[in-house]
C-alpha cells in the first residue's frame, strides 16, 4: 500500500470513531504529517482527549498524557534524574514527554514555568535534564488542549509558545444526528479504546518523507510570503506572523496537497490552511481591541488581499 492510501486509511479509521468532525481530523493529520504540533481550544467534554488517544491507537504509537494543574512541575513533563544507591549513579526517569503522541491536557491551567518545559521538546525533539540530552521517539507530536481564557484558574500561553504550535483548532459540538450516532455506538460497545490500528509509526515516517518531497514552486512560496508580510504591515496588529509561521504554512500546505493526492502545492492549499496556521500567532493592538476588531476578520481580508500567482 502506498503512502497516500495509508494516509487515507488512517483518516477513515479515525473518522469512524471521532464522528462528524472530518475537517478537524484532516487538520490533525496535516500537522502530524508535516511534523507539527496542535492546540485544541474548546470547552470540556467535546472529545479532545478521545481524538488524541484514537490517533495513537490507529498508528500503533506510544501515548502519553499529562493533566496540567497549578502544582504540576517541569520534571513531571521532561523527567528527572534519580540517584541509584546500588550503582552510585544518577539514572534518568522519563517524564510523560517520552511518548510519540503526547496529550498535554489543559495546558493553560499550569504555571508558565511548567508550560515552558515543553518548548525544547516541541522545537528540537529532545529534552535536557541535568545537562544530559535525551532524544524523543519519532514521530513525536504534542496535542495540547486549552480551556477558554475566561475560565477561572487559567494562564495565557506566551506568544513564544503559541508560535510553536502549527495549528490551533476548535472541535465544537457535534450536530444532532452525529451526537445520536455517537451515543448509539457507545451503547453497542464501540468505544474509542477498542479502535484497531491501521498502520505503524514506521508508516507515518514514510508518509512524512513523502510530504516533504511535495513540490513548492517559487511563485507559491512568494504567495505565502506575501500573506505573512501583510500581517506584519497591518496597523491593527502589534505582532504579525514570524519566520517560523512561514515555514509552518509551507509544511502544512505540502501536507494538504499530499492529502489531496497531488505532489505539488497550489495556492488553494495555502488558503485552505492559512487561517489555522496563522490566526493564533497574531496579536491585536489596543486600539483594535477597543474598536472590537477581530483578528479572524483581519486575517481573512489579508489572505484575500495577497496576489495569487498565475500558474
Protein backbone atom coordinates (compact mmCIF):
# COMPACT_ATOMS: atom_id res chain seq x y z
CA UNK A 1 0.00 0.00 0.00
CA UNK A 2 1.44 3.38 -0.97
CA UNK A 3 1.79 6.35 1.38
CA UNK A 4 -1.31 8.18 0.10
CA UNK A 5 -3.52 5.11 0.55
CA UNK A 6 -2.15 4.59 4.07
CA UNK A 7 -2.85 8.21 4.97
CA UNK A 8 -6.43 7.97 3.73
CA UNK A 9 -6.96 4.68 5.58
CA UNK A 10 -5.74 6.32 8.80
CA UNK A 11 -8.05 9.28 8.23
CA UNK A 12 -11.03 7.00 7.63
CA UNK A 13 -10.26 4.93 10.73
CA UNK A 14 -10.23 8.00 12.98
CA UNK A 15 -13.43 9.38 11.42
CA UNK A 16 -15.22 6.11 12.22
CA UNK A 17 -14.74 6.83 15.92
CA UNK A 18 -14.47 10.62 16.05
CA UNK A 19 -17.79 11.24 14.34
CA UNK A 20 -18.81 14.36 12.46
CA UNK A 21 -15.53 16.26 12.61
CA UNK A 22 -13.83 15.33 9.35
CA UNK A 23 -12.23 18.77 8.96
CA UNK A 24 -10.70 18.58 12.44
CA UNK A 25 -9.35 15.08 11.71
CA UNK A 26 -7.88 16.22 8.40
CA UNK A 27 -6.12 19.17 10.05
CA UNK A 28 -4.81 16.88 12.78
CA UNK A 29 -3.24 14.62 10.15
CA UNK A 30 -1.92 17.62 8.25
CA UNK A 31 0.01 18.60 11.38
CA UNK A 32 1.18 15.03 12.04
CA UNK A 33 2.48 14.50 8.50
CA UNK A 34 4.08 17.97 8.46
CA UNK A 35 5.91 17.36 11.74
CA UNK A 36 3.92 19.97 13.65
CA UNK A 37 2.05 20.24 16.93
CA UNK A 38 -1.56 21.17 17.51
CA UNK A 39 -3.50 23.22 20.08
CA UNK A 40 -7.15 22.30 20.62
CA UNK A 41 -9.04 25.14 22.27
CA UNK A 42 -12.60 24.39 23.34
CA UNK A 43 -14.93 23.76 26.23
CA UNK A 44 -14.54 20.49 28.19
CA UNK A 45 -16.24 17.31 27.01
CA UNK A 46 -16.18 17.64 23.21
CA UNK A 47 -13.73 14.79 22.61
CA UNK A 48 -10.30 16.40 22.57
CA UNK A 49 -8.74 13.63 24.66
CA UNK A 50 -10.52 10.96 22.60
CA UNK A 51 -9.09 12.38 19.38
CA UNK A 52 -5.51 12.14 20.69
CA UNK A 53 -5.86 8.59 22.03
CA UNK A 54 -7.60 7.31 18.87
CA UNK A 55 -4.79 8.74 16.73
CA UNK A 56 -2.15 6.97 18.84
CA UNK A 57 -4.03 3.64 18.71
CA UNK A 58 -4.61 3.90 14.97
CA UNK A 59 -0.88 4.21 14.25
CA UNK A 60 0.39 1.86 16.98
CA UNK A 61 2.16 4.78 18.61
CA UNK A 62 3.05 5.20 22.27
CA UNK A 63 0.63 7.53 24.03
CA UNK A 64 1.40 9.75 26.98
CA UNK A 65 -0.91 12.04 28.85
CA UNK A 66 -0.23 14.67 31.45
CA UNK A 67 -3.03 16.51 33.21
CA UNK A 68 -1.75 20.01 33.89
CA UNK A 69 -2.68 21.56 37.23
CA UNK A 70 -1.28 24.58 39.10
CA UNK A 71 1.12 22.32 41.05
CA UNK A 72 2.49 20.38 38.04
CA UNK A 73 6.30 20.66 37.92
CA UNK A 74 8.62 20.79 34.88
CA UNK A 75 10.10 17.43 35.94
CA UNK A 76 6.68 15.83 35.58
CA UNK A 77 6.88 16.68 31.89
CA UNK A 78 10.54 16.20 30.94
CA UNK A 79 11.55 13.62 33.56
CA UNK A 80 14.05 13.69 36.44
CA UNK A 81 17.40 12.23 37.44
CA UNK A 82 17.24 9.95 40.49
CA UNK A 83 20.27 8.71 42.42
CA UNK A 84 20.65 4.93 42.40
CA UNK A 85 22.36 3.85 45.62
CA UNK A 86 23.29 0.44 44.15
CA UNK A 87 25.20 1.83 41.17
CA UNK A 88 26.17 5.16 42.79
CA UNK A 89 24.96 6.89 39.65
CA UNK A 90 22.09 9.13 38.64
CA UNK A 91 19.50 7.50 36.39
CA UNK A 92 17.09 9.26 34.11
CA UNK A 93 13.43 8.57 34.83
CA UNK A 94 11.45 9.61 31.74
CA UNK A 95 8.55 12.01 32.04
CA UNK A 96 5.32 11.98 30.07
CA UNK A 97 7.08 13.66 27.14
CA UNK A 98 8.78 10.38 26.18
CA UNK A 99 5.85 9.34 24.02
CA UNK A 100 5.14 9.56 20.31
CA UNK A 101 1.74 11.18 20.85
CA UNK A 102 1.70 13.41 23.94
CA UNK A 103 -1.59 14.82 25.19
CA UNK A 104 -0.91 17.97 27.21
CA UNK A 105 -4.35 18.30 28.79
CA UNK A 106 -5.49 21.77 29.89
CA UNK A 107 -2.06 23.22 29.32
CA UNK A 108 -3.13 26.70 30.35
CA UNK A 109 -4.03 25.58 33.89
CA UNK A 110 -0.38 25.23 34.89
CA UNK A 111 2.30 27.82 35.59
CA UNK A 112 4.34 29.47 32.81
CA UNK A 113 7.50 27.70 34.06
CA UNK A 114 5.92 24.29 33.54
CA UNK A 115 4.44 25.35 30.21
CA UNK A 116 7.94 26.33 29.09
CA UNK A 117 9.25 22.81 29.82
CA UNK A 118 7.58 21.71 26.58
CA UNK A 119 9.34 24.28 24.39
CA UNK A 120 12.57 22.34 23.82
CA UNK A 121 10.65 19.13 23.12
CA UNK A 122 8.36 20.81 20.60
CA UNK A 123 11.10 22.72 18.80
CA UNK A 124 14.01 20.26 18.81
CA UNK A 125 12.57 16.82 19.55
CA UNK A 126 14.64 16.42 22.72
CA UNK A 127 14.73 17.28 26.41
CA UNK A 128 17.68 18.27 28.56
CA UNK A 129 17.72 17.05 32.16
CA UNK A 130 20.67 17.86 34.42
CA UNK A 131 22.79 18.73 31.39
CA UNK A 132 22.11 15.47 29.56
CA UNK A 133 20.19 15.46 26.27
CA UNK A 134 17.54 12.80 25.74
CA UNK A 135 16.10 12.31 22.25
CA UNK A 136 12.35 11.87 21.90
CA UNK A 137 10.84 8.97 19.93
CA UNK A 138 9.82 9.58 16.33
CA UNK A 139 7.34 10.57 15.15
CA UNK A 140 6.66 12.97 18.02
CA UNK A 141 3.60 15.18 18.27
CA UNK A 142 2.15 17.31 21.05
CA UNK A 143 -1.63 17.65 21.14
CA UNK A 144 -2.35 20.30 23.74
CA UNK A 145 -5.81 21.21 24.97
CA UNK A 146 -6.72 24.59 26.34
CA UNK A 147 -9.79 25.90 28.09
CA UNK A 148 -11.06 29.33 27.04
CA UNK A 149 -9.10 32.07 28.77
CA UNK A 150 -12.24 33.32 30.50
CA UNK A 151 -12.33 30.13 32.60
CA UNK A 152 -11.23 30.51 36.24
CA UNK A 153 -7.67 29.43 37.07
CA UNK A 154 -6.11 29.65 33.62
CA UNK A 155 -2.83 31.22 32.44
CA UNK A 156 -2.46 32.68 28.96
CA UNK A 157 0.14 30.89 26.87
CA UNK A 158 3.04 33.22 25.99
CA UNK A 159 3.47 34.23 22.36
CA UNK A 160 6.70 32.21 22.07
CA UNK A 161 4.86 29.02 22.99
CA UNK A 162 1.83 29.77 20.82
CA UNK A 163 4.27 30.12 17.92
CA UNK A 164 5.45 26.52 18.47
CA UNK A 165 2.02 25.14 17.56
CA UNK A 166 1.50 24.62 13.84
CA UNK A 167 -2.28 24.94 14.17
CA UNK A 168 -4.92 25.96 16.67
CA UNK A 169 -8.28 24.27 16.20
CA UNK A 170 -11.68 24.27 17.85
CA UNK A 171 -13.59 20.97 17.88
CA UNK A 172 -17.06 22.35 18.66
CA UNK A 173 -20.25 20.48 19.47
CA UNK A 174 -21.42 17.77 17.04
CA UNK A 175 -24.64 18.07 15.04
CA UNK A 176 -27.76 16.39 16.43
CA UNK A 177 -27.66 13.29 14.21
CA UNK A 178 -23.92 12.89 14.74
CA UNK A 179 -24.28 13.08 18.51
CA UNK A 180 -27.07 10.47 18.45
CA UNK A 181 -24.88 8.20 16.29
CA UNK A 182 -22.01 8.62 18.73
CA UNK A 183 -24.25 7.66 21.67
CA UNK A 184 -25.57 4.63 19.75
CA UNK A 185 -22.03 3.42 19.06
CA UNK A 186 -21.22 3.78 22.75
CA UNK A 187 -24.27 1.71 23.70
CA UNK A 188 -23.24 -1.04 21.27
CA UNK A 189 -19.77 -1.22 22.81
CA UNK A 190 -17.89 0.58 20.01
CA UNK A 191 -15.81 2.69 22.38
CA UNK A 192 -12.60 4.55 21.42
CA UNK A 193 -10.42 2.15 23.42
CA UNK A 194 -11.38 -0.66 21.02
CA UNK A 195 -10.20 1.09 17.87
CA UNK A 196 -7.83 -1.02 15.75
CA UNK A 197 -4.54 0.12 14.27
CA UNK A 198 -4.32 0.53 10.51
CA UNK A 199 -0.65 1.49 10.19
CA UNK A 200 2.59 1.67 12.15
CA UNK A 201 4.83 4.52 13.25
CA UNK A 202 7.26 3.44 10.52
CA UNK A 203 4.48 4.04 8.00
CA UNK A 204 3.98 7.53 9.44
CA UNK A 205 7.68 8.29 8.93
CA UNK A 206 7.37 7.19 5.29
CA UNK A 207 4.32 9.43 4.84
CA UNK A 208 6.23 12.35 6.38
CA UNK A 209 9.06 11.78 3.90
CA UNK A 210 6.56 11.78 1.03
CA UNK A 211 5.04 15.03 2.29
CA UNK A 212 8.49 16.66 2.47
CA UNK A 213 9.00 15.76 -1.19
CA UNK A 214 5.87 17.63 -2.34
CA UNK A 215 6.96 20.39 -4.74
CA UNK A 216 6.51 24.04 -3.77
CA UNK A 217 7.13 26.42 -6.66
CA UNK A 218 8.87 29.73 -6.04
CA UNK A 219 5.74 31.63 -7.10
CA UNK A 220 3.67 29.77 -4.45
CA UNK A 221 6.36 30.46 -1.85
CA UNK A 222 6.07 34.11 -2.81
CA UNK A 223 2.31 33.93 -2.23
CA UNK A 224 2.91 32.56 1.27
CA UNK A 225 5.47 35.26 2.00
CA UNK A 226 3.06 37.97 0.80
CA UNK A 227 0.43 36.78 3.30
CA UNK A 228 2.96 36.68 6.15
CA UNK A 229 4.35 40.12 5.22
CA UNK A 230 0.85 41.63 5.17
CA UNK A 231 0.28 40.53 8.79
CA UNK A 232 3.46 42.38 9.80
CA UNK A 233 2.41 45.54 7.96
CA UNK A 234 -1.15 45.59 9.31
CA UNK A 235 -1.57 48.55 11.71
CA UNK A 236 -4.23 46.79 13.78
CA UNK A 237 -1.77 44.04 14.69
CA UNK A 238 1.11 44.60 17.11
CA UNK A 239 2.50 41.14 16.37
CA UNK A 240 2.39 39.56 12.94
CA UNK A 241 3.44 36.13 11.71
CA UNK A 242 7.05 35.06 12.37
CA UNK A 243 9.51 33.33 10.01
CA UNK A 244 8.60 30.13 11.87
CA UNK A 245 5.00 30.77 10.82
CA UNK A 246 6.06 30.90 7.17
CA UNK A 247 7.79 27.53 7.50
CA UNK A 248 4.72 26.10 9.23
CA UNK A 249 2.49 27.45 6.45
CA UNK A 250 4.73 25.87 3.84
CA UNK A 251 4.80 22.46 5.58
CA UNK A 252 1.05 22.48 6.21
CA UNK A 253 0.41 23.37 2.57
CA UNK A 254 2.59 20.46 1.44
CA UNK A 255 0.66 18.13 3.73
CA UNK A 256 -2.68 19.46 2.48
CA UNK A 257 -1.62 18.92 -1.14
CA UNK A 258 -0.50 15.38 -0.30
CA UNK A 259 -3.88 14.52 1.23
CA UNK A 260 -5.49 15.85 -1.94
CA UNK A 261 -3.47 13.32 -3.94
CA UNK A 262 -1.06 15.83 -5.52
CA UNK A 263 2.72 16.07 -5.47
CA UNK A 264 2.76 19.87 -5.81
CA UNK A 265 1.25 22.76 -3.82
CA UNK A 266 -1.43 25.03 -5.28
CA UNK A 267 -2.44 28.45 -3.91
CA UNK A 268 -5.73 26.84 -2.87
CA UNK A 269 -3.79 24.58 -0.49
CA UNK A 270 -2.21 27.62 1.11
CA UNK A 271 -5.55 29.37 1.55
CA UNK A 272 -7.09 26.18 2.99
CA UNK A 273 -4.65 26.05 5.91
CA UNK A 274 -3.64 29.71 6.36
CA UNK A 275 -6.32 30.57 8.95
CA UNK A 276 -5.50 27.61 11.19
CA UNK A 277 -1.75 28.17 10.90
CA UNK A 278 -1.56 31.95 11.31
CA UNK A 279 -4.50 33.18 13.38
CA UNK A 280 -3.22 32.15 16.83
CA UNK A 281 0.11 33.88 16.18
CA UNK A 282 -1.41 37.33 15.70
CA UNK A 283 -1.86 39.89 18.48
CA UNK A 284 -4.31 42.76 18.14
CA UNK A 285 -3.34 46.32 19.06
CA UNK A 286 -5.07 48.05 21.98
CA UNK A 287 -6.90 50.34 19.54
CA UNK A 288 -8.18 47.37 17.54
CA UNK A 289 -9.45 45.69 20.71
CA UNK A 290 -11.22 48.87 21.75
CA UNK A 291 -12.86 49.05 18.34
CA UNK A 292 -13.84 45.37 18.74
CA UNK A 293 -11.93 44.39 15.62
CA UNK A 294 -11.42 40.65 15.30
CA UNK A 295 -8.13 39.06 14.28
CA UNK A 296 -10.05 36.46 12.26
CA UNK A 297 -11.72 39.05 10.05
CA UNK A 298 -8.46 40.94 9.61
CA UNK A 299 -6.58 37.80 8.55
CA UNK A 300 -9.31 36.74 6.12
CA UNK A 301 -9.04 40.11 4.38
CA UNK A 302 -5.25 39.90 4.25
CA UNK A 303 -5.39 36.45 2.65
CA UNK A 304 -7.79 37.79 0.00
CA UNK A 305 -5.55 40.82 -0.47
CA UNK A 306 -2.44 38.77 -1.27
CA UNK A 307 -1.83 38.41 -5.01
CA UNK A 308 -2.46 34.88 -6.23
CA UNK A 309 0.27 33.62 -8.61
CA UNK A 310 -0.76 32.67 -12.12
CA UNK A 311 0.05 29.04 -12.84
